[in-house]
Amino acid sequence: MKIELDTMTDTHSQSFFGEKVGFIVKSNRKEEPFIFLQCIRKKKDGTWEKPSLSEGKIVRLTIEEIIQVIDVFSNKTSWSTVHKYKEKSTRIAINWDKDNQGFWINVGPYSRIIKFPQSEFFRRLLKHLMLEKIEFATSGEVQEKPPTIILESSNEITKVEEIKEVADQEEKPNVKKEQKDVATVSARVKKHTEKALFLVFENGLESWMPRSTIHNEYDESESENSQDFLIDTCY
């Protein structure tokens, strides 16, 4: 069976929900050499966690990590890694469960099993994204390193500041590169330039936000209502 996917599509967002835990695969631009895996779960009151309130978890997977995941789904093996930032770490593990005939996906405290045909959909989607990233995100062009955004509260923004850019260092053999996480925040566009948006956050804080740090689609002409923005964070 052959699945035809539109190679002209620049963004992808596909959810894989279970009864209590859901995973969402996101790719905001085909030129970015990574994808996002967003994790949310159902709370005790029956509602789902809201990324707009900084609930849930988002991790970023590189092209190499996407290949590792595809290998697990293709050959029924296992793979794990740890994303670290400062003193915090998130363990990511994917493995084949022969007894239950499905694949366990574990991202920190978020865990659920995916079975056929959902597992095959997941595998083919990642394979498509891998090929797309290899074609469009490995042109060899030097890209600017986005400034780091700091969020000092789990449920609302209390401080946002730009950190000076640090020169990229050559990655040493056998040394894993630390992974950046992202968070979804709600804000209103007050004004904008070619390279940045001036955002007004729900707690009244105002700040310029470089476009390179925002990883989702938005309407810069919408100045009356708040929108969700997926931004680089360290928390």
Protein backbone atom coordinates (compact mmCIF):
# COMPACT_ATOMS: atom_id res chain seq x y z
CA MET A 1 0.00 0.00 0.00
CA LYS A 2 1.35 3.40 -0.97
CA ILE A 3 0.40 6.63 0.76
CA GLU A 4 0.73 9.85 -1.20
CA LEU A 5 1.47 12.93 0.91
CA ASP A 6 1.48 16.52 -0.32
CA THR A 7 5.18 17.45 -0.47
CA MET A 8 4.27 21.13 -0.80
CA THR A 9 2.77 21.28 2.69
CA ASP A 10 4.97 23.37 4.97
CA THR A 11 3.33 22.48 8.30
CA HIS A 12 2.06 19.28 9.89
CA SER A 13 0.05 18.63 13.05
CA GLN A 14 -1.37 15.20 13.85
CA SER A 15 -2.75 13.97 17.16
CA PHE A 16 -2.61 10.42 18.56
CA PHE A 17 -4.97 10.30 21.54
CA GLY A 18 -5.72 7.54 24.01
CA GLU A 19 -8.15 7.51 26.91
CA LYS A 20 -5.87 9.40 29.29
CA VAL A 21 -2.77 10.51 27.33
CA GLY A 22 -2.40 12.16 23.96
CA PHE A 23 0.61 12.86 21.74
CA ILE A 24 0.68 15.51 19.02
CA VAL A 25 3.33 15.46 16.28
CA LYS A 26 4.07 18.95 14.97
CA SER A 27 6.31 20.34 12.27
CA ASN A 28 6.03 24.08 11.78
CA ARG A 29 8.42 24.54 8.85
CA LYS A 30 9.99 21.96 6.55
CA GLU A 31 13.24 23.96 6.66
CA GLU A 32 13.63 23.24 10.41
CA PRO A 33 15.74 20.11 11.14
CA PHE A 34 13.47 18.96 13.95
CA ILE A 35 9.87 18.25 14.93
CA PHE A 36 7.93 18.71 18.17
CA LEU A 37 6.23 16.00 20.19
CA GLN A 38 3.61 17.55 22.46
CA CYS A 39 2.25 15.50 25.36
CA ILE A 40 -0.94 16.14 27.31
CA ARG A 41 -3.14 14.03 29.58
CA LYS A 42 -6.64 14.04 31.00
CA LYS A 43 -6.95 15.55 34.47
CA LYS A 44 -9.00 14.17 37.36
CA ASP A 45 -11.91 16.49 36.51
CA GLY A 46 -12.13 14.98 33.00
CA THR A 47 -10.63 17.96 31.16
CA TRP A 48 -7.40 17.81 29.17
CA GLU A 49 -4.25 19.75 29.99
CA LYS A 50 -3.98 23.03 28.12
CA PRO A 51 -0.65 23.99 26.53
CA SER A 52 -1.81 27.64 26.59
CA LEU A 53 -1.55 27.42 30.39
CA SER A 54 1.94 25.87 30.16
CA GLU A 55 0.44 22.47 30.99
CA GLY A 56 1.71 19.30 29.40
CA LYS A 57 5.16 18.67 27.97
CA ILE A 58 6.83 19.44 24.64
CA VAL A 59 10.09 17.93 23.44
CA ARG A 60 12.01 18.53 20.25
CA LEU A 61 13.26 15.60 18.15
CA THR A 62 16.16 16.00 15.74
CA ILE A 63 16.39 14.26 12.37
CA GLU A 64 18.68 11.62 13.92
CA GLU A 65 16.16 10.97 16.69
CA ILE A 66 13.31 10.75 14.18
CA ILE A 67 15.30 8.04 12.38
CA GLN A 68 15.74 6.15 15.67
CA VAL A 69 11.98 6.23 16.32
CA ILE A 70 11.22 5.05 12.79
CA ASP A 71 13.63 2.14 13.30
CA VAL A 72 11.75 1.06 16.44
CA PHE A 73 8.40 1.10 14.62
CA SER A 74 9.82 -0.66 11.56
CA ASN A 75 11.78 -3.40 13.31
CA LYS A 76 9.91 -3.74 16.64
CA THR A 77 12.93 -2.85 18.77
CA SER A 78 13.49 -0.25 21.50
CA TRP A 79 15.25 3.09 21.88
CA SER A 80 15.68 5.69 24.60
CA THR A 81 17.42 8.99 25.18
CA VAL A 82 17.53 11.79 27.72
CA HIS A 83 17.01 15.48 26.94
CA LYS A 84 18.84 17.65 29.47
CA TYR A 85 18.74 21.35 30.26
CA LYS A 86 20.65 22.61 33.29
CA GLU A 87 19.47 20.44 36.20
CA LYS A 88 16.30 19.18 34.54
CA SER A 89 16.07 16.14 32.31
CA THR A 90 13.34 14.35 30.35
CA ARG A 91 13.64 10.67 29.50
CA ILE A 92 12.20 9.59 26.16
CA ALA A 93 11.74 5.87 25.54
CA ILE A 94 9.94 3.91 22.82
CA ASN A 95 9.71 0.13 22.80
CA TRP A 96 7.80 -2.75 21.24
CA ASP A 97 5.50 -4.68 23.57
CA LYS A 98 5.12 -8.17 22.10
CA ASP A 99 2.48 -9.29 24.60
CA ASN A 100 0.19 -6.34 23.89
CA GLN A 101 1.21 -6.02 20.20
CA GLY A 102 1.87 -2.30 20.38
CA PHE A 103 4.51 0.36 20.91
CA TRP A 104 4.93 2.16 24.23
CA ILE A 105 5.80 5.84 23.93
CA ASN A 106 7.15 7.38 27.13
CA VAL A 107 8.04 11.06 27.47
CA GLY A 108 8.79 11.83 31.10
CA PRO A 109 5.59 11.02 33.05
CA TYR A 110 3.51 10.77 29.84
CA SER A 111 3.05 7.21 28.62
CA ARG A 112 0.67 5.28 26.37
CA ILE A 113 0.67 2.35 23.97
CA ILE A 114 -0.03 2.79 20.25
CA LYS A 115 -1.33 -0.16 18.27
CA PHE A 116 -2.03 -0.87 14.59
CA PRO A 117 -3.28 0.94 12.51
CA GLN A 118 -2.43 4.05 14.53
CA SER A 119 1.15 2.85 14.94
CA GLU A 120 1.54 2.46 11.17
CA PHE A 121 0.14 5.96 10.63
CA PHE A 122 2.64 7.28 13.19
CA ARG A 123 5.55 5.51 11.46
CA ARG A 124 4.62 6.72 7.97
CA LEU A 125 4.10 10.28 9.16
CA LEU A 126 7.57 10.34 10.76
CA LYS A 127 9.11 8.82 7.63
CA HIS A 128 7.51 11.54 5.50
CA LEU A 129 8.76 14.25 7.88
CA MET A 130 12.26 12.73 7.92
CA LEU A 131 12.50 12.79 4.12
CA GLU A 132 11.08 16.30 4.03
CA LYS A 133 13.61 17.56 6.61
CA ILE A 134 16.53 15.91 4.84
CA GLU A 135 15.56 17.60 1.58
CA PHE A 136 14.75 21.09 2.85
CA ALA A 137 16.56 21.48 6.20
CA THR A 138 20.05 20.36 5.18
CA SER A 139 20.88 22.99 2.59
CA GLY A 140 24.07 23.97 4.39
CA GLU A 141 22.93 27.53 4.97
CA VAL A 142 23.98 29.05 8.29
CA GLN A 143 20.95 29.89 10.40
CA GLU A 144 20.83 32.39 13.22
CA LYS A 145 20.77 30.94 16.71
CA PRO A 146 17.61 32.26 18.39
CA PRO A 147 17.91 34.04 21.74
CA THR A 148 16.74 32.12 24.79
CA ILE A 149 13.42 33.02 26.38
CA ILE A 150 12.99 32.48 30.12
CA LEU A 151 9.63 31.68 31.72
CA GLU A 152 9.76 31.90 35.50
CA SER A 153 6.30 30.48 36.21
CA SER A 154 4.67 27.21 35.20
CA ASN A 155 1.24 28.76 34.59
CA GLU A 156 1.94 32.33 33.49
CA ILE A 157 4.73 34.47 32.19
CA THR A 158 6.34 36.65 34.85
CA LYS A 159 9.55 37.50 33.05
CA VAL A 160 10.71 37.37 29.45
CA GLU A 161 14.18 38.50 28.50
CA GLU A 162 16.61 38.01 25.67
CA ILE A 163 19.93 36.37 26.41
CA LYS A 164 23.06 37.33 24.48
CA GLU A 165 23.84 34.97 21.65
CA VAL A 166 26.61 32.49 22.29
CA ALA A 167 28.87 31.42 19.45
CA ASP A 168 28.16 27.89 18.27
CA GLN A 169 30.79 25.40 19.34
CA GLU A 170 31.79 22.37 17.33
CA GLU A 171 30.13 19.30 18.76
CA LYS A 172 32.63 16.87 20.21
CA PRO A 173 32.38 13.14 19.41
CA ASN A 174 30.25 11.10 21.84
CA VAL A 175 28.92 14.23 23.51
CA LYS A 176 25.14 14.67 23.31
CA LYS A 177 23.85 18.15 22.52
CA GLU A 178 21.33 19.55 25.00
CA GLN A 179 17.80 19.80 23.71
CA LYS A 180 15.68 22.93 23.89
CA ASP A 181 12.07 22.75 24.95
CA VAL A 182 9.26 25.05 23.98
CA ALA A 183 6.09 26.31 25.63
CA THR A 184 2.78 27.64 24.41
CA VAL A 185 1.87 31.10 25.73
CA SER A 186 -1.10 33.37 25.05
CA ALA A 187 -0.48 36.96 23.94
CA ARG A 188 -1.81 39.77 21.77
CA VAL A 189 0.16 41.34 18.90
CA LYS A 190 0.49 45.05 19.59
CA LYS A 191 2.80 45.85 16.66
CA HIS A 192 5.31 44.09 14.47
CA THR A 193 8.37 44.52 12.28
CA GLU A 194 9.98 42.32 9.65
CA LYS A 195 11.99 40.42 12.30
CA ALA A 196 9.96 40.62 15.52
CA LEU A 197 6.54 40.89 17.14
CA PHE A 198 5.72 43.18 20.06
CA LEU A 199 3.50 41.02 22.27
CA VAL A 200 1.25 41.86 25.21
CA PHE A 201 0.94 38.85 27.51
CA GLU A 202 -2.06 37.96 29.65
CA ASN A 203 -0.40 39.23 32.82
CA GLY A 204 0.17 42.66 31.23
CA LEU A 205 3.85 42.20 30.42
CA GLU A 206 4.95 43.58 27.04
CA SER A 207 8.02 42.46 25.13
CA TRP A 208 9.55 42.17 21.67
CA MET A 209 9.70 38.55 20.52
CA PRO A 210 12.01 37.60 17.58
CA ARG A 211 10.10 35.74 14.86
CA SER A 212 12.87 33.11 14.84
CA THR A 213 11.80 32.00 18.34
CA ILE A 214 8.15 31.43 17.38
CA HIS A 215 7.36 27.98 15.95
CA ASN A 216 3.71 28.09 14.94
CA GLU A 217 1.45 29.95 12.55
CA TYR A 218 -0.06 33.23 13.74
CA ASP A 219 -1.95 36.26 12.43
CA GLU A 220 0.21 39.34 12.94
CA SER A 221 -2.65 41.60 11.80
CA GLU A 222 -4.87 40.42 14.67
CA SER A 223 -4.33 43.05 17.38
CA GLU A 224 -7.60 42.82 19.33
CA ASN A 225 -7.59 39.20 20.51
CA SER A 226 -4.97 36.95 22.08
CA GLN A 227 -3.34 34.10 20.16
CA ASP A 228 -1.26 31.09 21.20
CA PHE A 229 2.46 31.24 20.43
CA LEU A 230 4.83 28.26 20.56
CA ILE A 231 8.16 29.77 21.67
CA ASP A 232 11.64 28.61 22.66
CA THR A 233 12.01 28.37 26.42
CA CYS A 234 14.31 27.14 29.13
CA TYR A 235 12.53 25.98 32.24
